[in-house]
Amino acid sequence: MSIWSNKTVLHGKVLFSEVNDLFGLHLSDDYVDMIGGWIQSENMDIAMGDEAVVENYCFKILELEGYHVKSLEGIKMLLGQDR
């Protein structure tokens, strides 16, 4: 995990609880417990560069291995910012 002022690079296997603690989010899912699996469950035809927005963060796919999310970037969106 690498943290910059408004961007954080995460491994796809980071747990929801860690993402929630780090970003102050409330992610949950009955079927997956890692951020990579959640992103994939939001878009089954996932591709490099795809994004998922939750609350005030945008999660962008940086690296895939097959259909598994290897790494992604969490970007804090500023008020009024579109993705």
N, C-alpha and C. Protein backbone atom coordinates (compact mmCIF):
# COMPACT_ATOMS: atom_id res chain seq x y z
N MET A 1 0.86 -1.17 0.00
CA MET A 1 0.00 0.00 0.00
C MET A 1 0.90 1.23 0.00
N SER A 2 0.68 2.15 -0.91
CA SER A 2 1.41 3.41 -0.98
C SER A 2 0.42 4.55 -0.85
N ILE A 3 0.73 5.52 0.00
CA ILE A 3 -0.20 6.61 0.24
C ILE A 3 0.42 7.94 -0.16
N TRP A 4 -0.30 8.71 -0.98
CA TRP A 4 0.05 10.09 -1.30
C TRP A 4 -1.05 10.96 -0.73
N SER A 5 -1.00 12.24 -0.94
CA SER A 5 -1.97 13.14 -0.32
C SER A 5 -3.42 12.82 -0.69
N ASN A 6 -3.72 12.55 -1.94
CA ASN A 6 -5.11 12.24 -2.31
C ASN A 6 -5.23 10.94 -3.11
N LYS A 7 -4.13 10.19 -3.23
CA LYS A 7 -4.13 8.93 -3.98
C LYS A 7 -3.47 7.84 -3.14
N THR A 8 -4.04 6.65 -3.20
CA THR A 8 -3.50 5.51 -2.49
C THR A 8 -3.52 4.31 -3.42
N VAL A 9 -2.38 3.63 -3.58
CA VAL A 9 -2.31 2.42 -4.39
C VAL A 9 -2.49 1.23 -3.46
N LEU A 10 -3.46 0.38 -3.81
CA LEU A 10 -3.81 -0.77 -2.99
C LEU A 10 -3.63 -2.07 -3.75
N HIS A 11 -3.26 -3.12 -3.04
CA HIS A 11 -3.28 -4.47 -3.60
C HIS A 11 -4.74 -4.91 -3.65
N GLY A 12 -5.12 -5.68 -4.62
CA GLY A 12 -6.50 -6.14 -4.75
C GLY A 12 -6.99 -6.99 -3.59
N LYS A 13 -6.05 -7.54 -2.79
CA LYS A 13 -6.43 -8.41 -1.68
C LYS A 13 -6.56 -7.68 -0.35
N VAL A 14 -6.58 -6.35 -0.37
CA VAL A 14 -6.78 -5.59 0.86
C VAL A 14 -8.23 -5.78 1.31
N LEU A 15 -8.42 -6.07 2.58
CA LEU A 15 -9.75 -6.32 3.13
C LEU A 15 -10.59 -5.05 3.21
N PHE A 16 -11.92 -5.23 3.07
CA PHE A 16 -12.86 -4.11 3.22
C PHE A 16 -12.61 -3.36 4.52
N SER A 17 -12.41 -4.09 5.60
CA SER A 17 -12.23 -3.44 6.90
C SER A 17 -11.05 -2.48 6.89
N GLU A 18 -9.96 -2.85 6.21
CA GLU A 18 -8.80 -1.98 6.10
C GLU A 18 -9.10 -0.77 5.23
N VAL A 19 -9.81 -0.99 4.12
CA VAL A 19 -10.18 0.11 3.22
C VAL A 19 -11.12 1.07 3.95
N ASN A 20 -12.07 0.52 4.67
CA ASN A 20 -13.00 1.35 5.44
C ASN A 20 -12.26 2.20 6.47
N ASP A 21 -11.33 1.59 7.20
CA ASP A 21 -10.55 2.32 8.20
C ASP A 21 -9.69 3.40 7.57
N LEU A 22 -9.02 3.06 6.47
CA LEU A 22 -8.10 3.99 5.81
C LEU A 22 -8.82 5.20 5.22
N PHE A 23 -9.97 4.95 4.56
CA PHE A 23 -10.67 6.01 3.84
C PHE A 23 -11.91 6.55 4.56
N GLY A 24 -12.29 5.92 5.67
CA GLY A 24 -13.51 6.34 6.35
C GLY A 24 -14.76 5.98 5.58
N LEU A 25 -14.73 4.84 4.87
CA LEU A 25 -15.87 4.39 4.06
C LEU A 25 -16.68 3.36 4.82
N HIS A 26 -17.76 2.91 4.17
CA HIS A 26 -18.64 1.91 4.77
C HIS A 26 -18.92 0.80 3.76
N LEU A 27 -17.88 0.26 3.14
CA LEU A 27 -18.03 -0.80 2.16
C LEU A 27 -18.42 -2.10 2.85
N SER A 28 -19.30 -2.85 2.21
CA SER A 28 -19.63 -4.19 2.69
C SER A 28 -20.24 -4.96 1.53
N ASP A 29 -20.14 -6.27 1.60
CA ASP A 29 -20.68 -7.13 0.59
C ASP A 29 -20.82 -8.51 1.21
N ASP A 30 -21.92 -9.19 0.94
CA ASP A 30 -22.14 -10.51 1.51
C ASP A 30 -21.31 -11.60 0.84
N TYR A 31 -20.76 -11.32 -0.35
CA TYR A 31 -20.10 -12.37 -1.12
C TYR A 31 -18.60 -12.20 -1.26
N VAL A 32 -18.08 -11.01 -1.07
CA VAL A 32 -16.63 -10.77 -1.18
C VAL A 32 -16.16 -9.98 0.04
N ASP A 33 -14.89 -10.13 0.38
CA ASP A 33 -14.37 -9.37 1.53
C ASP A 33 -13.14 -8.56 1.21
N MET A 34 -12.71 -8.58 -0.07
CA MET A 34 -11.53 -7.81 -0.47
C MET A 34 -11.93 -6.77 -1.52
N ILE A 35 -11.19 -5.68 -1.56
CA ILE A 35 -11.50 -4.57 -2.45
C ILE A 35 -11.46 -4.98 -3.92
N GLY A 36 -10.53 -5.83 -4.31
CA GLY A 36 -10.45 -6.29 -5.70
C GLY A 36 -11.68 -7.07 -6.12
N GLY A 37 -12.16 -7.95 -5.24
CA GLY A 37 -13.36 -8.72 -5.53
C GLY A 37 -14.59 -7.85 -5.60
N TRP A 38 -14.64 -6.82 -4.76
CA TRP A 38 -15.78 -5.90 -4.79
C TRP A 38 -15.82 -5.15 -6.12
N ILE A 39 -14.65 -4.64 -6.56
CA ILE A 39 -14.59 -3.91 -7.84
C ILE A 39 -15.07 -4.82 -8.96
N GLN A 40 -14.61 -6.08 -8.94
CA GLN A 40 -15.01 -7.02 -9.98
C GLN A 40 -16.50 -7.33 -9.90
N SER A 41 -17.07 -7.40 -8.70
CA SER A 41 -18.50 -7.66 -8.57
C SER A 41 -19.34 -6.49 -9.08
N GLU A 42 -18.77 -5.29 -9.07
CA GLU A 42 -19.46 -4.11 -9.60
C GLU A 42 -19.47 -4.09 -11.12
N ASN A 43 -18.47 -4.75 -11.74
CA ASN A 43 -18.35 -4.77 -13.20
C ASN A 43 -17.70 -6.09 -13.62
N MET A 44 -18.50 -7.05 -14.05
CA MET A 44 -17.98 -8.38 -14.40
C MET A 44 -17.09 -8.36 -15.65
N ASP A 45 -17.23 -7.35 -16.50
CA ASP A 45 -16.39 -7.23 -17.70
C ASP A 45 -15.26 -6.25 -17.44
N ILE A 46 -14.58 -6.41 -16.35
CA ILE A 46 -13.57 -5.48 -15.87
C ILE A 46 -12.38 -5.37 -16.83
N ALA A 47 -11.83 -4.17 -16.94
CA ALA A 47 -10.68 -3.93 -17.79
C ALA A 47 -9.76 -2.91 -17.11
N MET A 48 -8.51 -2.89 -17.55
CA MET A 48 -7.55 -1.92 -17.03
C MET A 48 -8.12 -0.52 -17.19
N GLY A 49 -7.98 0.29 -16.15
CA GLY A 49 -8.44 1.66 -16.21
C GLY A 49 -9.88 1.87 -15.80
N ASP A 50 -10.64 0.76 -15.66
CA ASP A 50 -12.03 0.91 -15.21
C ASP A 50 -12.07 1.52 -13.82
N GLU A 51 -13.17 2.21 -13.53
CA GLU A 51 -13.31 2.91 -12.25
C GLU A 51 -14.63 2.56 -11.59
N ALA A 52 -14.62 2.58 -10.27
CA ALA A 52 -15.85 2.44 -9.48
C ALA A 52 -15.83 3.55 -8.45
N VAL A 53 -16.94 4.27 -8.34
CA VAL A 53 -17.02 5.39 -7.40
C VAL A 53 -17.89 4.96 -6.22
N VAL A 54 -17.37 5.21 -5.02
CA VAL A 54 -18.13 4.95 -3.80
C VAL A 54 -17.88 6.11 -2.85
N GLU A 55 -18.98 6.64 -2.36
CA GLU A 55 -18.94 7.81 -1.48
C GLU A 55 -18.07 8.88 -2.13
N ASN A 56 -16.99 9.32 -1.50
CA ASN A 56 -16.17 10.38 -2.09
C ASN A 56 -14.83 9.86 -2.63
N TYR A 57 -14.80 8.58 -3.03
CA TYR A 57 -13.59 7.99 -3.59
C TYR A 57 -13.86 7.32 -4.92
N CYS A 58 -12.88 7.40 -5.80
CA CYS A 58 -12.90 6.69 -7.07
C CYS A 58 -11.79 5.64 -7.00
N PHE A 59 -12.14 4.38 -7.29
CA PHE A 59 -11.16 3.30 -7.32
C PHE A 59 -10.92 2.90 -8.76
N LYS A 60 -9.67 3.03 -9.21
CA LYS A 60 -9.29 2.80 -10.60
C LYS A 60 -8.38 1.58 -10.69
N ILE A 61 -8.68 0.66 -11.64
CA ILE A 61 -7.90 -0.55 -11.84
C ILE A 61 -6.56 -0.19 -12.47
N LEU A 62 -5.47 -0.58 -11.80
CA LEU A 62 -4.13 -0.35 -12.33
C LEU A 62 -3.53 -1.60 -12.95
N GLU A 63 -3.86 -2.77 -12.38
CA GLU A 63 -3.24 -4.02 -12.87
C GLU A 63 -4.22 -5.17 -12.69
N LEU A 64 -4.35 -5.96 -13.77
CA LEU A 64 -5.19 -7.15 -13.76
C LEU A 64 -4.34 -8.37 -14.08
N GLU A 65 -4.73 -9.50 -13.53
CA GLU A 65 -4.15 -10.79 -13.91
C GLU A 65 -5.34 -11.67 -14.25
N GLY A 66 -5.61 -11.84 -15.53
CA GLY A 66 -6.86 -12.49 -15.95
C GLY A 66 -8.01 -11.57 -15.55
N TYR A 67 -8.91 -12.11 -14.72
CA TYR A 67 -10.01 -11.29 -14.22
C TYR A 67 -9.80 -10.87 -12.77
N HIS A 68 -8.61 -11.12 -12.23
CA HIS A 68 -8.33 -10.78 -10.84
C HIS A 68 -7.65 -9.42 -10.76
N VAL A 69 -8.17 -8.57 -9.90
CA VAL A 69 -7.59 -7.24 -9.70
C VAL A 69 -6.34 -7.38 -8.84
N LYS A 70 -5.19 -7.05 -9.41
CA LYS A 70 -3.92 -7.12 -8.68
C LYS A 70 -3.65 -5.84 -7.91
N SER A 71 -3.93 -4.69 -8.54
CA SER A 71 -3.72 -3.41 -7.84
C SER A 71 -4.71 -2.38 -8.36
N LEU A 72 -5.00 -1.43 -7.50
CA LEU A 72 -5.91 -0.35 -7.85
C LEU A 72 -5.51 0.90 -7.09
N GLU A 73 -6.03 2.00 -7.56
CA GLU A 73 -5.71 3.30 -6.98
C GLU A 73 -6.99 3.90 -6.41
N GLY A 74 -6.93 4.29 -5.15
CA GLY A 74 -8.04 5.01 -4.53
C GLY A 74 -7.75 6.50 -4.61
N ILE A 75 -8.65 7.25 -5.21
CA ILE A 75 -8.44 8.68 -5.41
C ILE A 75 -9.56 9.43 -4.70
N LYS A 76 -9.18 10.30 -3.77
CA LYS A 76 -10.19 11.11 -3.08
C LYS A 76 -10.68 12.18 -4.04
N MET A 77 -11.99 12.21 -4.23
CA MET A 77 -12.58 13.19 -5.14
C MET A 77 -12.90 14.45 -4.36
N LEU A 78 -12.58 15.57 -4.95
CA LEU A 78 -12.85 16.85 -4.34
C LEU A 78 -14.30 17.23 -4.57
N LEU A 79 -14.86 18.05 -3.73
CA LEU A 79 -16.24 18.50 -3.85
C LEU A 79 -16.48 19.06 -5.25
N GLY A 80 -17.49 18.53 -5.93
CA GLY A 80 -17.83 19.01 -7.27
C GLY A 80 -17.02 18.40 -8.38
N GLN A 81 -16.08 17.51 -8.07
CA GLN A 81 -15.23 16.88 -9.08
C GLN A 81 -15.96 15.71 -9.70
N ASP A 82 -15.95 15.62 -11.03
CA ASP A 82 -16.52 14.49 -11.76
C ASP A 82 -15.42 13.55 -12.14
N ARG A 83 -15.77 12.26 -12.25
CA ARG A 83 -14.82 11.25 -12.72
C ARG A 83 -15.33 10.68 -14.00
